[in-house]
Amino acid sequence: MRTILHIDFNSYFATVEQQANPRLRGKPIGVTGGDRMERTVLGAASVEAKRLGVKTGMPIWEAQKLCPDLILVRGDSDKYLECTKRFLNILKDYSPKLEVFSIDEVFLETESGKYNFFLDSGLLQLATQIKSRIRSEIGEWITCSVGISYNKLMAKLAGSLYKPDGLAVIADETAAMVVLDRIELDEICGIGPGIKKRLNNMGVFSFKALRGVPLDSLLASFKSYGQTLYNMARGIDNTPLVPFYEKEEVKSIGHRHTLDQDTGDLVGIKQALLKLAELVARRLRAKRLAGKTIHLWYRSAFQSQFHPRGVLHYAHPGGEFAGGGMQTTIPYTNDGLEIFQNTWRVFLQIWDREKIRMVGVSVSNLKSESPKNLSLLEEDQKNEQIMNVLDKINDRFGEFTLERAALLSSPKVCRKPNPFLSDRRFKLSDNQVKGDRRCLLSTDLF
């Protein structure tokens, strides 16, 4: 039997800020997305803010309505990544089998046969020791919740049962089904609003009811994911734990940007998409990759309405952002202008002239650019030389130090790592072997 621990920081970004600034401790704070203080959502809410109904991902105006005393703090990605490195270096002392799930949570698999759920108190001692070391080596205000179980799915569920600073064990499939029957369908990782709604439409409102649905029916309704749902309801998960140093290369590269103001101005939207395309292309070239599937998406502006009492409020269909998206396939490229031209063509096909709040561009279906076919056309050779010079100057002096003339009047757009580390990866330092637990973790840009 496998023994897996799921370790999750509590209100991560917010508690790191409270650890760094004692004046924020015990107060409701919200960490904004990136360096924005307006027209953004909360990247994290402190424990104190959550008690007042504030949630991560909530628009700023909505959070302030619930909690007028909410203290807003600008997000600092480098600070959080540095804290995560220290966190991971503690965990590597206990097992080399360490999977980074996101910036604030990991899975750790203990050595086979070392612990027994029923006969050995060592697991609880291990979890307690990890909690203690995090407080003493990272900060006394930092807490984490630990879930222990026989697979990743149940370990993550166990870790979510008692927050903050919780510790729970789900020992076997019998215990798993008891826990599953006490929670809502969407309280488990893997069932979001869409899947839940489809299950509800089938008359399934609990995991007990889900266990009564034949596998053939689930496969017919959800295709291959039907098997996953069938297993979830029984506490089954055979997903392997993938150590951070064995993790596959990135599968897509993308950026999104919230505009400074809602706009239907084609020039402003075009500039934003061109900048995003250039950022994506720069990252592709830095990793010596090229992609052929381009995905464009956008979010529409909130619709403002008035109540009969004259109070302004904001509405969007279904309680979610409205918008659209579409992808197209082209020959492999890492040229920003080529990515933009196809992105713009897609945008004009799907945009229905409403005002835009946010745009995003990503490229997938990636492959190494080496070996590549060398063009004999003078124009292609000149373009490649220009891109090489642009990359060298912008690497040295900062993004968009040199840029296309069309972008000279455009607003600033910059890269920010997201919580799921798509912009960063953790790896062992080159002068250490993978099995050496003494080695330190370093972060590299993708």
Protein backbone atom coordinates (compact mmCIF):
# COMPACT_ATOMS: atom_id res chain seq x y z
CA MET A 1 0.00 0.00 0.00
CA ARG A 2 1.22 3.48 -0.91
CA THR A 3 1.50 6.14 1.76
CA ILE A 4 1.07 9.67 0.42
CA LEU A 5 1.01 13.00 2.21
CA HIS A 6 -0.65 16.07 0.70
CA ILE A 7 0.82 19.24 2.20
CA ASP A 8 -0.95 22.52 1.50
CA PHE A 9 -0.10 26.00 2.78
CA ASN A 10 -3.08 27.85 4.27
CA SER A 11 -4.04 31.12 2.51
CA TYR A 12 -0.54 31.01 1.10
CA PHE A 13 0.08 34.41 -0.51
CA ALA A 14 -1.74 36.19 2.31
CA THR A 15 0.08 34.43 5.15
CA VAL A 16 3.46 34.99 3.48
CA GLU A 17 2.64 38.70 3.40
CA GLN A 18 1.56 38.59 7.05
CA GLN A 19 4.79 36.79 7.94
CA ALA A 20 6.81 39.48 6.16
CA ASN A 21 4.85 42.34 7.74
CA PRO A 22 3.76 41.74 11.36
CA ARG A 23 1.40 44.74 11.19
CA LEU A 24 -0.83 42.72 8.85
CA ARG A 25 -1.18 39.76 11.20
CA GLY A 26 -4.63 39.06 12.53
CA LYS A 27 -6.20 41.46 10.02
CA PRO A 28 -8.29 40.72 6.90
CA ILE A 29 -6.03 41.16 3.90
CA GLY A 30 -6.35 40.38 0.23
CA VAL A 31 -3.45 39.87 -2.15
CA THR A 32 -4.14 41.28 -5.59
CA GLY A 33 -3.30 39.54 -8.84
CA GLY A 34 0.12 40.73 -10.01
CA ASP A 35 0.89 44.38 -9.28
CA ARG A 36 -2.61 45.68 -9.98
CA MET A 37 -4.82 47.22 -7.31
CA GLU A 38 -7.86 47.71 -9.54
CA ARG A 39 -9.64 45.73 -12.28
CA THR A 40 -8.33 42.46 -10.97
CA VAL A 41 -9.31 39.62 -8.66
CA LEU A 42 -7.89 38.48 -5.35
CA GLY A 43 -4.98 36.10 -5.70
CA ALA A 44 -5.44 35.11 -2.07
CA ALA A 45 -7.46 36.07 1.01
CA SER A 46 -6.19 35.75 4.56
CA VAL A 47 -7.86 33.46 7.08
CA GLU A 48 -9.39 36.52 8.74
CA ALA A 49 -10.87 37.72 5.42
CA LYS A 50 -12.24 34.27 4.58
CA ARG A 51 -14.17 34.25 7.84
CA LEU A 52 -16.04 37.30 6.54
CA GLY A 53 -16.94 35.59 3.27
CA VAL A 54 -14.07 36.86 1.11
CA LYS A 55 -12.80 34.21 -1.31
CA THR A 56 -9.77 33.76 -3.53
CA GLY A 57 -10.61 34.72 -7.12
CA MET A 58 -13.29 37.24 -6.06
CA PRO A 59 -13.34 40.64 -7.84
CA ILE A 60 -11.87 43.42 -5.69
CA TRP A 61 -15.10 45.44 -5.56
CA GLU A 62 -17.08 42.42 -4.39
CA ALA A 63 -14.52 41.56 -1.69
CA GLN A 64 -14.55 45.16 -0.40
CA LYS A 65 -18.34 45.11 -0.28
CA LEU A 66 -18.24 42.08 2.00
CA CYS A 67 -15.33 43.40 4.03
CA PRO A 68 -14.96 47.21 3.97
CA ASP A 69 -11.86 46.96 6.20
CA LEU A 70 -10.07 44.64 3.75
CA ILE A 71 -6.40 45.59 3.38
CA LEU A 72 -5.15 45.15 -0.18
CA VAL A 73 -1.54 44.09 -0.75
CA ARG A 74 0.18 43.93 -4.13
CA GLY A 75 1.16 40.40 -5.12
CA ASP A 76 4.89 39.61 -5.09
CA SER A 77 5.59 36.44 -7.10
CA ASP A 78 9.30 36.33 -6.32
CA LYS A 79 8.61 36.45 -2.59
CA TYR A 80 6.20 33.50 -2.82
CA LEU A 81 8.54 31.47 -5.03
CA GLU A 82 11.41 32.00 -2.61
CA CYS A 83 9.22 30.78 0.23
CA THR A 84 8.18 27.75 -1.82
CA LYS A 85 11.82 26.82 -2.46
CA ARG A 86 12.50 26.81 1.28
CA PHE A 87 9.35 24.77 1.84
CA LEU A 88 10.39 22.17 -0.74
CA ASN A 89 13.91 21.89 0.62
CA ILE A 90 12.44 20.91 3.99
CA LEU A 91 10.28 18.19 2.44
CA LYS A 92 13.15 16.73 0.42
CA ASP A 93 14.71 15.63 3.70
CA TYR A 94 11.88 13.12 4.14
CA SER A 95 11.57 11.56 0.69
CA PRO A 96 12.92 12.09 -2.85
CA LYS A 97 9.42 11.30 -4.16
CA LEU A 98 8.10 14.84 -4.08
CA GLU A 99 5.58 16.15 -6.63
CA VAL A 100 4.98 19.89 -6.93
CA PHE A 101 1.25 20.25 -7.59
CA SER A 102 1.17 24.06 -7.39
CA ILE A 103 3.13 26.87 -5.80
CA ASP A 104 1.64 26.13 -2.36
CA GLU A 105 0.92 22.40 -2.32
CA VAL A 106 2.81 19.17 -2.90
CA PHE A 107 2.46 15.41 -2.67
CA LEU A 108 5.09 13.42 -0.80
CA GLU A 109 5.29 9.62 -0.96
CA THR A 110 7.08 7.87 1.87
CA GLU A 111 9.38 4.93 1.35
CA SER A 112 7.48 1.73 0.61
CA GLY A 113 6.51 -0.20 3.73
CA LYS A 114 8.04 2.33 6.11
CA TYR A 115 4.72 3.28 7.73
CA ASN A 116 1.53 1.42 8.52
CA PHE A 117 -1.74 3.34 8.82
CA PHE A 118 -3.07 1.26 11.71
CA LEU A 119 -0.01 0.02 13.61
CA ASP A 120 2.46 2.89 13.48
CA SER A 121 2.17 6.40 14.89
CA GLY A 122 5.17 7.43 12.78
CA LEU A 123 2.96 9.04 10.13
CA LEU A 124 1.41 11.45 12.59
CA GLN A 125 4.84 12.19 14.05
CA LEU A 126 6.15 12.83 10.54
CA ALA A 127 3.32 15.26 9.73
CA THR A 128 3.74 17.04 13.07
CA GLN A 129 7.47 17.37 12.51
CA ILE A 130 6.94 18.86 9.03
CA LYS A 131 4.52 21.40 10.47
CA SER A 132 6.98 22.29 13.22
CA ARG A 133 9.90 22.73 10.81
CA ILE A 134 7.86 24.99 8.54
CA ARG A 135 7.07 27.26 11.47
CA SER A 136 10.63 27.33 12.79
CA GLU A 137 12.48 27.56 9.45
CA ILE A 138 10.07 29.65 7.35
CA GLY A 139 7.99 31.63 9.83
CA GLU A 140 5.78 31.27 12.88
CA TRP A 141 2.77 32.71 11.02
CA ILE A 142 2.97 30.10 8.24
CA THR A 143 0.73 27.07 8.66
CA CYS A 144 -0.12 24.12 6.47
CA SER A 145 -2.77 21.43 6.36
CA VAL A 146 -1.67 17.82 5.89
CA GLY A 147 -3.73 14.98 4.48
CA ILE A 148 -2.48 11.37 4.64
CA SER A 149 -3.91 8.53 2.59
CA TYR A 150 -3.24 5.61 0.28
CA ASN A 151 -3.46 7.62 -2.98
CA LYS A 152 -3.15 11.20 -4.19
CA LEU A 153 -6.87 11.90 -4.59
CA MET A 154 -7.74 10.83 -1.06
CA ALA A 155 -4.66 12.52 0.43
CA LYS A 156 -5.76 15.83 -1.13
CA LEU A 157 -9.30 15.31 0.14
CA ALA A 158 -8.01 14.53 3.64
CA GLY A 159 -5.94 17.71 3.61
CA SER A 160 -9.03 19.81 2.84
CA LEU A 161 -11.16 18.46 5.70
CA TYR A 162 -9.74 20.56 8.53
CA LYS A 163 -8.42 24.02 7.68
CA PRO A 164 -6.42 25.94 8.63
CA ASP A 165 -3.52 24.00 10.17
CA GLY A 166 -5.34 20.67 9.95
CA LEU A 167 -4.22 17.05 9.92
CA ALA A 168 -6.37 14.13 8.76
CA VAL A 169 -5.92 10.50 7.70
CA ILE A 170 -8.05 8.46 5.29
CA ALA A 171 -6.73 4.97 5.84
CA ASP A 172 -8.45 2.82 3.22
CA GLU A 173 -11.28 2.65 0.68
CA THR A 174 -13.88 1.93 3.36
CA ALA A 175 -12.93 5.08 5.22
CA ALA A 176 -12.79 6.96 1.93
CA MET A 177 -16.40 6.14 1.07
CA VAL A 178 -17.56 7.23 4.54
CA VAL A 179 -15.88 10.62 3.99
CA LEU A 180 -17.11 10.91 0.40
CA ASP A 181 -20.71 10.38 1.49
CA ARG A 182 -20.44 13.39 3.81
CA ILE A 183 -19.23 15.95 1.25
CA GLU A 184 -20.60 17.65 -1.85
CA LEU A 185 -19.62 16.42 -5.30
CA ASP A 186 -17.50 19.47 -6.07
CA GLU A 187 -15.52 19.26 -2.83
CA ILE A 188 -13.16 16.76 -4.45
CA CYS A 189 -10.42 17.63 -6.92
CA GLY A 190 -11.59 16.79 -10.44
CA ILE A 191 -15.28 17.71 -10.23
CA GLY A 192 -15.89 21.32 -11.17
CA PRO A 193 -19.14 23.23 -11.77
CA GLY A 194 -19.58 21.83 -15.28
CA ILE A 195 -19.18 18.17 -14.31
CA LYS A 196 -21.33 18.67 -11.22
CA LYS A 197 -24.14 20.18 -13.28
CA ARG A 198 -24.05 17.29 -15.75
CA LEU A 199 -24.16 14.79 -12.90
CA ASN A 200 -27.08 16.66 -11.31
CA ASN A 201 -28.91 16.51 -14.63
CA MET A 202 -28.52 12.71 -14.44
CA GLY A 203 -30.09 12.75 -10.96
CA VAL A 204 -26.75 12.32 -9.20
CA PHE A 205 -26.30 14.65 -6.21
CA SER A 206 -23.96 12.63 -3.99
CA PHE A 207 -21.12 10.16 -4.20
CA LYS A 208 -23.42 7.47 -2.84
CA ALA A 209 -25.73 8.05 -5.80
CA LEU A 210 -22.73 8.15 -8.16
CA ARG A 211 -21.71 4.67 -7.03
CA GLY A 212 -25.12 3.48 -8.17
CA VAL A 213 -24.56 4.63 -11.77
CA PRO A 214 -23.32 1.79 -14.02
CA LEU A 215 -19.89 2.30 -15.56
CA ASP A 216 -21.34 1.96 -19.07
CA SER A 217 -23.67 4.91 -18.43
CA LEU A 218 -20.82 7.08 -17.15
CA LEU A 219 -18.69 6.19 -20.17
CA ALA A 220 -21.56 7.01 -22.50
CA SER A 221 -22.08 10.41 -20.86
CA PHE A 222 -18.49 11.43 -20.05
CA LYS A 223 -16.45 9.23 -22.39
CA SER A 224 -13.10 8.26 -20.84
CA TYR A 225 -13.64 10.58 -17.85
CA GLY A 226 -16.54 8.35 -16.85
CA GLN A 227 -13.99 5.81 -15.59
CA THR A 228 -12.40 8.52 -13.44
CA LEU A 229 -15.77 9.44 -11.92
CA TYR A 230 -16.52 5.77 -11.30
CA ASN A 231 -13.20 5.41 -9.45
CA MET A 232 -13.60 8.67 -7.51
CA ALA A 233 -16.87 7.52 -5.97
CA ARG A 234 -15.03 4.47 -4.61
CA GLY A 235 -11.89 6.23 -3.42
CA ILE A 236 -9.78 4.73 -6.22
CA ASP A 237 -6.92 6.66 -7.81
CA ASN A 238 -3.99 5.01 -9.55
CA THR A 239 -2.33 8.25 -10.64
CA PRO A 240 1.44 7.95 -10.11
CA LEU A 241 3.37 10.52 -8.12
CA VAL A 242 5.77 12.30 -10.49
CA PRO A 243 8.84 13.78 -8.71
CA PHE A 244 9.57 17.38 -9.67
CA TYR A 245 12.86 16.45 -11.34
CA GLU A 246 11.07 14.00 -13.67
CA LYS A 247 8.21 16.30 -14.63
CA GLU A 248 7.50 16.62 -18.34
CA GLU A 249 8.32 19.76 -20.23
CA VAL A 250 5.69 22.45 -20.54
CA LYS A 251 2.88 21.56 -22.97
CA SER A 252 1.74 25.08 -23.82
CA ILE A 253 2.91 28.66 -23.37
CA GLY A 254 0.49 31.54 -22.97
CA HIS A 255 -0.22 34.94 -21.49
CA ARG A 256 -3.34 36.91 -20.66
CA HIS A 257 -3.80 40.58 -19.83
CA THR A 258 -6.57 42.60 -18.21
CA LEU A 259 -6.93 45.88 -20.08
CA ASP A 260 -6.70 49.17 -18.18
CA GLN A 261 -10.27 49.94 -19.17
CA ASP A 262 -13.09 48.12 -20.93
CA THR A 263 -12.76 48.90 -24.61
CA GLY A 264 -14.08 48.14 -28.05
CA ASP A 265 -11.29 50.12 -29.70
CA LEU A 266 -9.65 47.91 -32.32
CA VAL A 267 -6.30 49.70 -32.06
CA GLY A 268 -6.01 49.10 -28.31
CA ILE A 269 -7.10 45.47 -28.57
CA LYS A 270 -4.70 44.89 -31.47
CA GLN A 271 -1.78 46.35 -29.50
CA ALA A 272 -2.56 44.15 -26.49
CA LEU A 273 -2.75 41.00 -28.62
CA LEU A 274 0.47 41.88 -30.44
CA LYS A 275 2.29 42.34 -27.13
CA LEU A 276 0.99 39.03 -25.80
CA ALA A 277 2.00 37.27 -29.02
CA GLU A 278 5.51 38.74 -28.74
CA LEU A 279 5.79 37.58 -25.10
CA VAL A 280 4.70 34.06 -26.04
CA ALA A 281 7.13 33.98 -28.96
CA ARG A 282 10.01 35.17 -26.76
CA ARG A 283 9.40 32.35 -24.31
CA LEU A 284 9.17 29.82 -27.14
CA ARG A 285 12.50 30.95 -28.53
CA ALA A 286 14.11 31.00 -25.09
CA LYS A 287 13.20 27.32 -24.71
CA ARG A 288 14.07 26.57 -28.34
CA LEU A 289 10.51 25.47 -29.03
CA ALA A 290 7.98 26.08 -31.78
CA GLY A 291 4.23 25.50 -31.74
CA LYS A 292 1.47 25.05 -34.27
CA THR A 293 -1.83 25.46 -32.35
CA ILE A 294 -2.76 29.04 -31.46
CA HIS A 295 -5.56 29.69 -28.98
CA LEU A 296 -7.18 33.10 -28.57
CA TRP A 297 -9.66 33.94 -25.83
CA TYR A 298 -11.21 37.07 -24.37
CA ARG A 299 -13.51 38.15 -21.56
CA SER A 300 -16.22 40.71 -22.08
CA ALA A 301 -16.78 43.73 -19.85
CA PHE A 302 -19.19 43.47 -16.94
CA GLN A 303 -22.69 44.62 -17.79
CA SER A 304 -23.71 47.47 -15.50
CA GLN A 305 -27.35 47.67 -14.50
CA PHE A 306 -29.48 49.61 -12.01
CA HIS A 307 -31.80 48.23 -9.38
CA PRO A 308 -35.19 49.92 -8.99
CA ARG A 309 -33.70 51.65 -5.93
CA GLY A 310 -31.06 53.23 -8.13
CA VAL A 311 -28.11 51.19 -6.86
CA LEU A 312 -25.53 50.34 -9.52
CA HIS A 313 -24.59 46.66 -9.65
CA TYR A 314 -22.72 44.42 -12.05
CA ALA A 315 -24.12 41.39 -13.80
CA HIS A 316 -22.75 38.71 -16.04
CA PRO A 317 -24.57 35.63 -17.36
CA GLY A 318 -24.53 32.60 -15.08
CA GLY A 319 -22.46 34.40 -12.46
CA GLU A 320 -19.34 34.04 -14.59
CA PHE A 321 -17.35 36.17 -17.02
CA ALA A 322 -18.78 36.13 -20.54
CA GLY A 323 -16.46 35.92 -23.51
CA GLY A 324 -15.25 33.67 -26.25
CA GLY A 325 -12.34 31.69 -27.56
CA MET A 326 -11.16 29.78 -30.60
CA GLN A 327 -8.04 28.05 -31.81
CA THR A 328 -6.38 27.61 -35.17
CA THR A 329 -3.57 25.44 -36.51
CA ILE A 330 -0.67 26.78 -38.56
CA PRO A 331 2.82 25.54 -39.52
CA TYR A 332 5.23 25.38 -36.55
CA THR A 333 6.47 28.83 -35.55
CA ASN A 334 7.98 30.91 -32.76
CA ASP A 335 7.66 34.23 -34.61
CA GLY A 336 5.63 36.78 -32.65
CA LEU A 337 4.29 38.57 -35.72
CA GLU A 338 3.10 35.32 -37.27
CA ILE A 339 1.41 34.30 -34.01
CA PHE A 340 -0.27 37.69 -33.81
CA GLN A 341 -1.51 37.69 -37.41
CA ASN A 342 -3.29 34.38 -36.87
CA THR A 343 -4.56 35.45 -33.45
CA TRP A 344 -6.02 38.63 -34.93
CA ARG A 345 -7.71 36.72 -37.72
CA VAL A 346 -9.36 34.42 -35.15
CA PHE A 347 -10.40 37.36 -32.96
CA LEU A 348 -12.18 39.12 -35.83
CA GLN A 349 -14.07 35.90 -36.56
CA ILE A 350 -15.50 35.47 -33.05
CA TRP A 351 -15.74 39.01 -31.63
CA ASP A 352 -19.30 40.36 -31.62
CA ARG A 353 -18.32 44.01 -31.07
CA GLU A 354 -18.92 44.09 -27.30
CA LYS A 355 -16.40 45.83 -25.04
CA ILE A 356 -13.43 43.70 -23.98
CA ARG A 357 -12.06 43.35 -20.43
CA MET A 358 -9.28 40.80 -20.89
CA VAL A 359 -7.47 39.02 -23.74
CA GLY A 360 -5.20 35.99 -23.83
CA VAL A 361 -2.99 34.11 -26.28
CA SER A 362 -1.41 30.69 -25.98
CA VAL A 363 0.49 28.30 -28.24
CA SER A 364 0.41 24.50 -27.84
CA ASN A 365 1.39 21.39 -29.79
CA LEU A 366 5.01 22.24 -29.11
CA LYS A 367 8.16 20.64 -30.44
CA SER A 368 11.87 21.40 -30.34
CA GLU A 369 12.95 23.82 -33.04
CA SER A 370 16.09 21.71 -33.61
CA PRO A 371 16.63 20.40 -36.15
CA LYS A 372 14.86 22.97 -38.31
CA ASN A 373 14.75 23.65 -42.00
CA LEU A 374 16.94 26.59 -42.96
CA SER A 375 15.30 29.03 -45.34
CA LEU A 376 17.26 30.28 -48.33
CA LEU A 377 14.99 33.31 -48.72
CA GLU A 378 16.78 36.54 -47.91
CA GLU A 379 13.69 37.95 -46.13
CA ASP A 380 13.46 34.94 -43.77
CA GLN A 381 17.17 35.11 -42.96
CA LYS A 382 16.92 38.83 -42.23
CA ASN A 383 13.90 38.31 -39.97
CA GLU A 384 15.73 35.62 -37.97
CA GLN A 385 18.72 37.92 -37.46
CA ILE A 386 16.42 40.71 -36.26
CA MET A 387 14.72 38.39 -33.74
CA ASN A 388 18.09 37.24 -32.40
CA VAL A 389 19.18 40.83 -31.82
CA LEU A 390 15.83 41.73 -30.24
CA ASP A 391 16.06 38.79 -27.84
CA LYS A 392 19.61 39.64 -26.76
CA ILE A 393 18.80 43.30 -26.07
CA ASN A 394 15.52 42.58 -24.29
CA ASP A 395 17.14 39.82 -22.22
CA ARG A 396 19.73 42.29 -21.02
CA PHE A 397 17.73 45.49 -20.57
CA GLY A 398 14.18 44.28 -19.97
CA GLU A 399 11.07 43.24 -21.88
CA PHE A 400 10.11 45.54 -24.79
CA THR A 401 13.24 47.67 -24.55
CA LEU A 402 13.14 47.23 -28.33
CA GLU A 403 9.69 46.72 -29.79
CA ARG A 404 7.73 47.14 -32.98
CA ALA A 405 6.72 50.69 -33.87
CA ALA A 406 3.05 49.74 -33.61
CA LEU A 407 3.56 49.20 -29.86
CA LEU A 408 5.19 52.53 -28.99
CA SER A 409 1.95 54.02 -27.67
CA SER A 410 0.69 50.80 -26.06
CA PRO A 411 0.23 50.28 -22.30
CA LYS A 412 2.70 48.21 -20.31
CA VAL A 413 2.27 44.42 -20.34
CA CYS A 414 4.64 42.25 -18.32
CA ARG A 415 5.10 38.62 -17.31
CA LYS A 416 4.04 37.35 -13.92
CA PRO A 417 4.37 33.77 -12.66
CA ASN A 418 1.03 32.19 -11.87
CA PRO A 419 0.17 29.98 -8.87
CA PHE A 420 0.55 26.77 -10.83
CA LEU A 421 4.16 27.42 -11.82
CA SER A 422 3.56 27.45 -15.56
CA ASP A 423 6.16 30.22 -15.76
CA ARG A 424 8.69 28.54 -13.48
CA ARG A 425 9.94 25.08 -12.78
CA PHE A 426 11.80 23.57 -9.88
CA LYS A 427 14.88 21.52 -10.58
CA LEU A 428 17.94 20.16 -8.85
CA SER A 429 21.12 22.15 -9.13
CA ASP A 430 23.38 20.83 -11.87
CA ASN A 431 26.24 19.86 -9.56
CA GLN A 432 24.09 17.46 -7.55
CA VAL A 433 22.68 14.03 -8.34
CA LYS A 434 18.94 13.48 -8.16
CA GLY A 435 19.15 11.09 -5.25
CA ASP A 436 21.16 13.41 -3.02
CA ARG A 437 18.79 14.86 -0.42
CA ARG A 438 21.28 17.56 0.52
CA CYS A 439 21.01 19.39 -2.79
CA LEU A 440 19.15 22.67 -3.00
CA LEU A 441 16.31 23.57 -5.31
CA SER A 442 16.65 26.36 -7.82
CA THR A 443 14.09 28.00 -10.08
CA ASP A 444 14.55 28.63 -13.78
CA LEU A 445 12.32 30.53 -16.14
CA PHE A 446 10.69 28.34 -18.73
